[in-house]
Amino acid sequence: MIQNHAHQVIDKSVVRKLQSLQERKQEFVDESARRYPEDHKKSKAAPADTADRIIAATALPLGAAAVCEDEGLRGYKALPSIW
């Protein structure tokens, strides 16, 4: 438990705001799809695995290719792969 009363108030406020954002998650997804349809299509085509997404997000701006046999990465058309 947080001892300082001011910190307790701040903590409760932050928790409420985070809960509100979590509850409105679909609203943000829908809005981003409406505003940025091309980027939304790209994100849907991105690898499902989080580690593969990180690899792709690192390699793409560098113009690098992925050297791997991972089907998740190799199936991502935007990222050249070598194997």
PDB file of N, CA and C in Angstrom:
ATOM      1  N   MET A   1       0.835  -1.184   0.000  1.00  0.00           N
ATOM      2  CA  MET A   1       0.000   0.000   0.000  1.00  0.00           C
ATOM      3  C   MET A   1       0.877   1.243   0.000  1.00  0.00           C
ATOM      4  N   ILE A   2       0.486   2.215  -0.749  1.00  0.00           N
ATOM      5  CA  ILE A   2       1.214   3.472  -0.814  1.00  0.00           C
ATOM      6  C   ILE A   2       0.905   4.276   0.443  1.00  0.00           C
ATOM      7  N   GLN A   3       1.950   4.744   1.125  1.00  0.00           N
ATOM      8  CA  GLN A   3       1.787   5.440   2.404  1.00  0.00           C
ATOM      9  C   GLN A   3       1.397   6.905   2.231  1.00  0.00           C
ATOM     10  N   ASN A   4       1.979   7.578   1.293  1.00  0.00           N
ATOM     11  CA  ASN A   4       1.746   9.007   1.105  1.00  0.00           C
ATOM     12  C   ASN A   4       0.371   9.231   0.473  1.00  0.00           C
ATOM     13  N   HIS A   5      -0.463  10.054   1.116  1.00  0.00           N
ATOM     14  CA  HIS A   5      -1.831  10.297   0.633  1.00  0.00           C
ATOM     15  C   HIS A   5      -1.848  10.900  -0.770  1.00  0.00           C
ATOM     16  N   ALA A   6      -0.962  11.845  -1.041  1.00  0.00           N
ATOM     17  CA  ALA A   6      -0.915  12.466  -2.370  1.00  0.00           C
ATOM     18  C   ALA A   6      -0.590  11.421  -3.433  1.00  0.00           C
ATOM     19  N   HIS A   7       0.311  10.519  -3.120  1.00  0.00           N
ATOM     20  CA  HIS A   7       0.663   9.456  -4.066  1.00  0.00           C
ATOM     21  C   HIS A   7      -0.511   8.500  -4.277  1.00  0.00           C
ATOM     22  N   GLN A   8      -1.287   8.246  -3.226  1.00  0.00           N
ATOM     23  CA  GLN A   8      -2.466   7.393  -3.348  1.00  0.00           C
ATOM     24  C   GLN A   8      -3.475   8.009  -4.312  1.00  0.00           C
ATOM     25  N   VAL A   9      -3.678   9.314  -4.191  1.00  0.00           N
ATOM     26  CA  VAL A   9      -4.624  10.018  -5.063  1.00  0.00           C
ATOM     27  C   VAL A   9      -4.156   9.943  -6.512  1.00  0.00           C
ATOM     28  N   ILE A  10      -2.877  10.208  -6.720  1.00  0.00           N
ATOM     29  CA  ILE A  10      -2.313  10.146  -8.077  1.00  0.00           C
ATOM     30  C   ILE A  10      -2.414   8.737  -8.625  1.00  0.00           C
ATOM     31  N   ASP A  11      -2.079   7.744  -7.819  1.00  0.00           N
ATOM     32  CA  ASP A  11      -2.133   6.352  -8.244  1.00  0.00           C
ATOM     33  C   ASP A  11      -3.550   5.970  -8.681  1.00  0.00           C
ATOM     34  N   LYS A  12      -4.545   6.344  -7.896  1.00  0.00           N
ATOM     35  CA  LYS A  12      -5.939   6.030  -8.241  1.00  0.00           C
ATOM     36  C   LYS A  12      -6.341   6.699  -9.543  1.00  0.00           C
ATOM     37  N   SER A  13      -5.894   7.929  -9.738  1.00  0.00           N
ATOM     38  CA  SER A  13      -6.214   8.660 -10.958  1.00  0.00           C
ATOM     39  C   SER A  13      -5.594   7.983 -12.176  1.00  0.00           C
ATOM     40  N   VAL A  14      -4.353   7.587 -12.052  1.00  0.00           N
ATOM     41  CA  VAL A  14      -3.663   6.921 -13.159  1.00  0.00           C
ATOM     42  C   VAL A  14      -4.338   5.587 -13.472  1.00  0.00           C
ATOM     43  N   VAL A  15      -4.682   4.840 -12.456  1.00  0.00           N
ATOM     44  CA  VAL A  15      -5.345   3.550 -12.657  1.00  0.00           C
ATOM     45  C   VAL A  15      -6.679   3.740 -13.373  1.00  0.00           C
ATOM     46  N   ARG A  16      -7.462   4.740 -12.967  1.00  0.00           N
ATOM     47  CA  ARG A  16      -8.743   5.010 -13.630  1.00  0.00           C
ATOM     48  C   ARG A  16      -8.549   5.372 -15.104  1.00  0.00           C
ATOM     49  N   LYS A  17      -7.552   6.190 -15.380  1.00  0.00           N
ATOM     50  CA  LYS A  17      -7.289   6.590 -16.768  1.00  0.00           C
ATOM     51  C   LYS A  17      -6.870   5.380 -17.615  1.00  0.00           C
ATOM     52  N   LEU A  18      -6.019   4.532 -17.060  1.00  0.00           N
ATOM     53  CA  LEU A  18      -5.591   3.340 -17.785  1.00  0.00           C
ATOM     54  C   LEU A  18      -6.756   2.383 -18.020  1.00  0.00           C
ATOM     55  N   GLN A  19      -7.624   2.239 -17.029  1.00  0.00           N
ATOM     56  CA  GLN A  19      -8.799   1.386 -17.191  1.00  0.00           C
ATOM     57  C   GLN A  19      -9.714   1.938 -18.279  1.00  0.00           C
ATOM     58  N   SER A  20      -9.868   3.257 -18.301  1.00  0.00           N
ATOM     59  CA  SER A  20     -10.697   3.891 -19.326  1.00  0.00           C
ATOM     60  C   SER A  20     -10.124   3.636 -20.718  1.00  0.00           C
ATOM     61  N   LEU A  21      -8.824   3.767 -20.853  1.00  0.00           N
ATOM     62  CA  LEU A  21      -8.187   3.506 -22.147  1.00  0.00           C
ATOM     63  C   LEU A  21      -8.380   2.047 -22.565  1.00  0.00           C
ATOM     64  N   GLN A  22      -8.233   1.141 -21.619  1.00  0.00           N
ATOM     65  CA  GLN A  22      -8.410  -0.280 -21.912  1.00  0.00           C
ATOM     66  C   GLN A  22      -9.837  -0.558 -22.379  1.00  0.00           C
ATOM     67  N   GLU A  23     -10.808   0.064 -21.721  1.00  0.00           N
ATOM     68  CA  GLU A  23     -12.206  -0.135 -22.096  1.00  0.00           C
ATOM     69  C   GLU A  23     -12.512   0.435 -23.484  1.00  0.00           C
ATOM     70  N   ARG A  24     -11.787   1.464 -23.876  1.00  0.00           N
ATOM     71  CA  ARG A  24     -12.020   2.125 -25.163  1.00  0.00           C
ATOM     72  C   ARG A  24     -11.072   1.638 -26.253  1.00  0.00           C
ATOM     73  N   LYS A  25     -10.368   0.547 -26.023  1.00  0.00           N
ATOM     74  CA  LYS A  25      -9.358   0.054 -26.955  1.00  0.00           C
ATOM     75  C   LYS A  25      -9.922  -0.113 -28.370  1.00  0.00           C
ATOM     76  N   GLN A  26     -11.063  -0.739 -28.514  1.00  0.00           N
ATOM     77  CA  GLN A  26     -11.635  -0.979 -29.841  1.00  0.00           C
ATOM     78  C   GLN A  26     -11.945   0.336 -30.546  1.00  0.00           C
ATOM     79  N   GLU A  27     -12.354   1.330 -29.792  1.00  0.00           N
ATOM     80  CA  GLU A  27     -12.632   2.656 -30.360  1.00  0.00           C
ATOM     81  C   GLU A  27     -11.369   3.235 -31.014  1.00  0.00           C
ATOM     82  N   PHE A  28     -10.216   3.065 -30.353  1.00  0.00           N
ATOM     83  CA  PHE A  28      -8.960   3.560 -30.906  1.00  0.00           C
ATOM     84  C   PHE A  28      -8.546   2.762 -32.141  1.00  0.00           C
ATOM     85  N   VAL A  29      -8.750   1.460 -32.097  1.00  0.00           N
ATOM     86  CA  VAL A  29      -8.423   0.613 -33.245  1.00  0.00           C
ATOM     87  C   VAL A  29      -9.269   1.022 -34.447  1.00  0.00           C
ATOM     88  N   ASP A  30     -10.567   1.201 -34.234  1.00  0.00           N
ATOM     89  CA  ASP A  30     -11.462   1.602 -35.321  1.00  0.00           C
ATOM     90  C   ASP A  30     -11.084   2.962 -35.888  1.00  0.00           C
ATOM     91  N   GLU A  31     -10.765   3.907 -35.020  1.00  0.00           N
ATOM     92  CA  GLU A  31     -10.404   5.260 -35.462  1.00  0.00           C
ATOM     93  C   GLU A  31      -9.100   5.242 -36.259  1.00  0.00           C
ATOM     94  N   SER A  32      -8.118   4.474 -35.792  1.00  0.00           N
ATOM     95  CA  SER A  32      -6.849   4.418 -36.523  1.00  0.00           C
ATOM     96  C   SER A  32      -7.037   3.757 -37.885  1.00  0.00           C
ATOM     97  N   ALA A  33      -7.904   2.764 -37.961  1.00  0.00           N
ATOM     98  CA  ALA A  33      -8.180   2.113 -39.253  1.00  0.00           C
ATOM     99  C   ALA A  33      -8.861   3.090 -40.202  1.00  0.00           C
ATOM    100  N   ARG A  34      -9.729   3.942 -39.667  1.00  0.00           N
ATOM    101  CA  ARG A  34     -10.415   4.925 -40.504  1.00  0.00           C
ATOM    102  C   ARG A  34      -9.459   6.009 -40.991  1.00  0.00           C
ATOM    103  N   ARG A  35      -8.585   6.477 -40.117  1.00  0.00           N
ATOM    104  CA  ARG A  35      -7.672   7.572 -40.470  1.00  0.00           C
ATOM    105  C   ARG A  35      -6.489   7.124 -41.322  1.00  0.00           C
ATOM    106  N   TYR A  36      -6.002   5.927 -41.069  1.00  0.00           N
ATOM    107  CA  TYR A  36      -4.780   5.452 -41.721  1.00  0.00           C
ATOM    108  C   TYR A  36      -5.002   4.072 -42.342  1.00  0.00           C
ATOM    109  N   PRO A  37      -5.855   3.997 -43.365  1.00  0.00           N
ATOM    110  CA  PRO A  37      -6.207   2.679 -43.911  1.00  0.00           C
ATOM    111  C   PRO A  37      -5.021   1.894 -44.474  1.00  0.00           C
ATOM    112  N   GLU A  38      -4.091   2.564 -45.121  1.00  0.00           N
ATOM    113  CA  GLU A  38      -2.936   1.848 -45.686  1.00  0.00           C
ATOM    114  C   GLU A  38      -2.065   1.244 -44.580  1.00  0.00           C
ATOM    115  N   ASP A  39      -1.800   2.036 -43.558  1.00  0.00           N
ATOM    116  CA  ASP A  39      -1.000   1.528 -42.441  1.00  0.00           C
ATOM    117  C   ASP A  39      -1.725   0.404 -41.713  1.00  0.00           C
ATOM    118  N   HIS A  40      -3.049   0.525 -41.617  1.00  0.00           N
ATOM    119  CA  HIS A  40      -3.837  -0.515 -40.958  1.00  0.00           C
ATOM    120  C   HIS A  40      -3.718  -1.833 -41.731  1.00  0.00           C
ATOM    121  N   LYS A  41      -3.776  -1.750 -43.062  1.00  0.00           N
ATOM    122  CA  LYS A  41      -3.619  -2.966 -43.883  1.00  0.00           C
ATOM    123  C   LYS A  41      -2.242  -3.584 -43.662  1.00  0.00           C
ATOM    124  N   LYS A  42      -1.216  -2.742 -43.591  1.00  0.00           N
ATOM    125  CA  LYS A  42       0.144  -3.249 -43.370  1.00  0.00           C
ATOM    126  C   LYS A  42       0.250  -3.948 -42.021  1.00  0.00           C
ATOM    127  N   SER A  43      -0.359  -3.355 -40.996  1.00  0.00           N
ATOM    128  CA  SER A  43      -0.247  -3.970 -39.674  1.00  0.00           C
ATOM    129  C   SER A  43      -0.987  -5.299 -39.622  1.00  0.00           C
ATOM    130  N   LYS A  44      -2.081  -5.408 -40.364  1.00  0.00           N
ATOM    131  CA  LYS A  44      -2.805  -6.682 -40.412  1.00  0.00           C
ATOM    132  C   LYS A  44      -1.972  -7.757 -41.102  1.00  0.00           C
ATOM    133  N   ALA A  45      -1.129  -7.335 -42.058  1.00  0.00           N
ATOM    134  CA  ALA A  45      -0.306  -8.289 -42.798  1.00  0.00           C
ATOM    135  C   ALA A  45       0.983  -8.635 -42.059  1.00  0.00           C
ATOM    136  N   ALA A  46       1.303  -7.888 -41.012  1.00  0.00           N
ATOM    137  CA  ALA A  46       2.547  -8.102 -40.271  1.00  0.00           C
ATOM    138  C   ALA A  46       2.516  -9.448 -39.553  1.00  0.00           C
ATOM    139  N   PRO A  47       3.690  -9.966 -39.236  1.00  0.00           N
ATOM    140  CA  PRO A  47       3.747 -11.248 -38.521  1.00  0.00           C
ATOM    141  C   PRO A  47       2.964 -11.179 -37.199  1.00  0.00           C
ATOM    142  N   ALA A  48       2.362 -12.274 -36.832  1.00  0.00           N
ATOM    143  CA  ALA A  48       1.568 -12.325 -35.602  1.00  0.00           C
ATOM    144  C   ALA A  48       2.448 -12.380 -34.356  1.00  0.00           C
ATOM    145  N   ASP A  49       3.582 -13.028 -34.458  1.00  0.00           N
ATOM    146  CA  ASP A  49       4.475 -13.192 -33.319  1.00  0.00           C
ATOM    147  C   ASP A  49       5.143 -11.865 -32.962  1.00  0.00           C
ATOM    148  N   THR A  50       5.141 -11.515 -31.679  1.00  0.00           N
ATOM    149  CA  THR A  50       5.697 -10.235 -31.236  1.00  0.00           C
ATOM    150  C   THR A  50       7.176 -10.111 -31.583  1.00  0.00           C
ATOM    151  N   ALA A  51       7.941 -11.158 -31.358  1.00  0.00           N
ATOM    152  CA  ALA A  51       9.376 -11.108 -31.673  1.00  0.00           C
ATOM    153  C   ALA A  51       9.587 -10.885 -33.174  1.00  0.00           C
ATOM    154  N   ASP A  52       8.783 -11.529 -34.003  1.00  0.00           N
ATOM    155  CA  ASP A  52       8.885 -11.336 -35.451  1.00  0.00           C
ATOM    156  C   ASP A  52       8.534  -9.903 -35.841  1.00  0.00           C
ATOM    157  N   ARG A  53       7.559  -9.317 -35.164  1.00  0.00           N
ATOM    158  CA  ARG A  53       7.199  -7.914 -35.438  1.00  0.00           C
ATOM    159  C   ARG A  53       8.355  -6.980 -35.097  1.00  0.00           C
ATOM    160  N   ILE A  54       9.029  -7.263 -33.987  1.00  0.00           N
ATOM    161  CA  ILE A  54      10.169  -6.429 -33.583  1.00  0.00           C
ATOM    162  C   ILE A  54      11.285  -6.547 -34.605  1.00  0.00           C
ATOM    163  N   ILE A  55      11.557  -7.759 -35.046  1.00  0.00           N
ATOM    164  CA  ILE A  55      12.592  -7.965 -36.063  1.00  0.00           C
ATOM    165  C   ILE A  55      12.237  -7.214 -37.338  1.00  0.00           C
ATOM    166  N   ALA A  56      10.996  -7.345 -37.787  1.00  0.00           N
ATOM    167  CA  ALA A  56      10.560  -6.663 -39.007  1.00  0.00           C
ATOM    168  C   ALA A  56      10.620  -5.150 -38.845  1.00  0.00           C
ATOM    169  N   ALA A  57      10.174  -4.640 -37.692  1.00  0.00           N
ATOM    170  CA  ALA A  57      10.180  -3.194 -37.456  1.00  0.00           C
ATOM    171  C   ALA A  57      11.592  -2.638 -37.402  1.00  0.00           C
ATOM    172  N   THR A  58      12.546  -3.453 -37.010  1.00  0.00           N
ATOM    173  CA  THR A  58      13.940  -3.027 -36.979  1.00  0.00           C
ATOM    174  C   THR A  58      14.560  -3.087 -38.373  1.00  0.00           C
ATOM    175  N   ALA A  59      14.267  -4.143 -39.101  1.00  0.00           N
ATOM    176  CA  ALA A  59      14.890  -4.351 -40.408  1.00  0.00           C
ATOM    177  C   ALA A  59      14.335  -3.441 -41.502  1.00  0.00           C
ATOM    178  N   LEU A  60      13.035  -3.204 -41.510  1.00  0.00           N
ATOM    179  CA  LEU A  60      12.416  -2.443 -42.603  1.00  0.00           C
ATOM    180  C   LEU A  60      13.004  -1.049 -42.795  1.00  0.00           C
ATOM    181  N   PRO A  61      13.126  -0.218 -41.748  1.00  0.00           N
ATOM    182  CA  PRO A  61      13.679   1.121 -41.969  1.00  0.00           C
ATOM    183  C   PRO A  61      15.139   1.106 -42.433  1.00  0.00           C
ATOM    184  N   LEU A  62      15.832   0.019 -42.110  1.00  0.00           N
ATOM    185  CA  LEU A  62      17.236  -0.108 -42.508  1.00  0.00           C
ATOM    186  C   LEU A  62      17.387  -0.671 -43.914  1.00  0.00           C
ATOM    187  N   GLY A  63      16.290  -1.139 -44.478  1.00  0.00           N
ATOM    188  CA  GLY A  63      16.350  -1.768 -45.791  1.00  0.00           C
ATOM    189  C   GLY A  63      17.040  -3.118 -45.744  1.00  0.00           C
ATOM    190  N   ALA A  64      17.043  -3.730 -44.590  1.00  0.00           N
ATOM    191  CA  ALA A  64      17.724  -5.009 -44.393  1.00  0.00           C
ATOM    192  C   ALA A  64      16.782  -6.170 -44.686  1.00  0.00           C
ATOM    193  N   ALA A  65      17.367  -7.317 -44.914  1.00  0.00           N
ATOM    194  CA  ALA A  65      16.601  -8.546 -45.107  1.00  0.00           C
ATOM    195  C   ALA A  65      16.758  -9.416 -43.867  1.00  0.00           C
ATOM    196  N   ALA A  66      15.774 -10.255 -43.633  1.00  0.00           N
ATOM    197  CA  ALA A  66      15.847 -11.203 -42.520  1.00  0.00           C
ATOM    198  C   ALA A  66      16.515 -12.472 -43.014  1.00  0.00           C
ATOM    199  N   VAL A  67      17.523 -12.911 -42.302  1.00  0.00           N
ATOM    200  CA  VAL A  67      18.192 -14.166 -42.623  1.00  0.00           C
ATOM    201  C   VAL A  67      17.649 -15.190 -41.636  1.00  0.00           C
ATOM    202  N   CYS A  68      16.680 -15.979 -42.109  1.00  0.00           N
ATOM    203  CA  CYS A  68      16.027 -16.908 -41.198  1.00  0.00           C
ATOM    204  C   CYS A  68      15.248 -17.959 -41.975  1.00  0.00           C
ATOM    205  N   GLU A  69      14.827 -18.975 -41.244  1.00  0.00           N
ATOM    206  CA  GLU A  69      13.937 -19.965 -41.838  1.00  0.00           C
ATOM    207  C   GLU A  69      12.557 -19.912 -41.202  1.00  0.00           C
ATOM    208  N   ASP A  70      12.319 -18.887 -40.389  1.00  0.00           N
ATOM    209  CA  ASP A  70      11.052 -18.700 -39.692  1.00  0.00           C
ATOM    210  C   ASP A  70       9.949 -18.402 -40.702  1.00  0.00           C
ATOM    211  N   GLU A  71       8.932 -19.240 -40.735  1.00  0.00           N
ATOM    212  CA  GLU A  71       7.832 -19.070 -41.697  1.00  0.00           C
ATOM    213  C   GLU A  71       7.043 -17.788 -41.465  1.00  0.00           C
ATOM    214  N   GLY A  72       6.934 -17.374 -40.196  1.00  0.00           N
ATOM    215  CA  GLY A  72       6.217 -16.144 -39.892  1.00  0.00           C
ATOM    216  C   GLY A  72       6.857 -14.932 -40.536  1.00  0.00           C
ATOM    217  N   LEU A  73       8.171 -14.856 -40.444  1.00  0.00           N
ATOM    218  CA  LEU A  73       8.886 -13.742 -41.069  1.00  0.00           C
ATOM    219  C   LEU A  73       8.969 -13.900 -42.579  1.00  0.00           C
ATOM    220  N   ARG A  74       9.215 -15.101 -43.025  1.00  0.00           N
ATOM    221  CA  ARG A  74       9.348 -15.324 -44.472  1.00  0.00           C
ATOM    222  C   ARG A  74       8.039 -15.089 -45.201  1.00  0.00           C
ATOM    223  N   GLY A  75       6.914 -15.245 -44.491  1.00  0.00           N
ATOM    224  CA  GLY A  75       5.609 -15.033 -45.104  1.00  0.00           C
ATOM    225  C   GLY A  75       5.211 -13.555 -45.141  1.00  0.00           C
ATOM    226  N   TYR A  76       5.974 -12.693 -44.476  1.00  0.00           N
ATOM    227  CA  TYR A  76       5.685 -11.265 -44.454  1.00  0.00           C
ATOM    228  C   TYR A  76       6.282 -10.640 -45.716  1.00  0.00           C
ATOM    229  N   LYS A  77       5.426 -10.296 -46.638  1.00  0.00           N
ATOM    230  CA  LYS A  77       5.856  -9.847 -47.972  1.00  0.00           C
ATOM    231  C   LYS A  77       6.679  -8.558 -47.971  1.00  0.00           C
ATOM    232  N   ALA A  78       6.441  -7.676 -47.000  1.00  0.00           N
ATOM    233  CA  ALA A  78       7.144  -6.383 -46.977  1.00  0.00           C
ATOM    234  C   ALA A  78       8.604  -6.527 -46.585  1.00  0.00           C
ATOM    235  N   LEU A  79       8.973  -7.648 -45.977  1.00  0.00           N
ATOM    236  CA  LEU A  79      10.335  -7.851 -45.493  1.00  0.00           C
ATOM    237  C   LEU A  79      11.026  -8.924 -46.327  1.00  0.00           C
ATOM    238  N   PRO A  80      12.060  -8.544 -47.088  1.00  0.00           N
ATOM    239  CA  PRO A  80      12.796  -9.562 -47.837  1.00  0.00           C
ATOM    240  C   PRO A  80      13.455 -10.541 -46.862  1.00  0.00           C
ATOM    241  N   SER A  81      13.478 -11.790 -47.233  1.00  0.00           N
ATOM    242  CA  SER A  81      14.134 -12.779 -46.387  1.00  0.00           C
ATOM    243  C   SER A  81      15.080 -13.633 -47.219  1.00  0.00           C
ATOM    244  N   ILE A  82      16.124 -14.080 -46.564  1.00  0.00           N
ATOM    245  CA  ILE A  82      17.155 -14.884 -47.218  1.00  0.00           C
ATOM    246  C   ILE A  82      17.278 -16.188 -46.444  1.00  0.00           C
ATOM    247  N   TRP A  83      17.145 -17.291 -47.154  1.00  0.00           N
ATOM    248  CA  TRP A  83      17.404 -18.589 -46.536  1.00  0.00           C
ATOM    249  C   TRP A  83      17.322 -19.668 -47.563  1.00  0.00           C
TER     250      TRP A  83
END
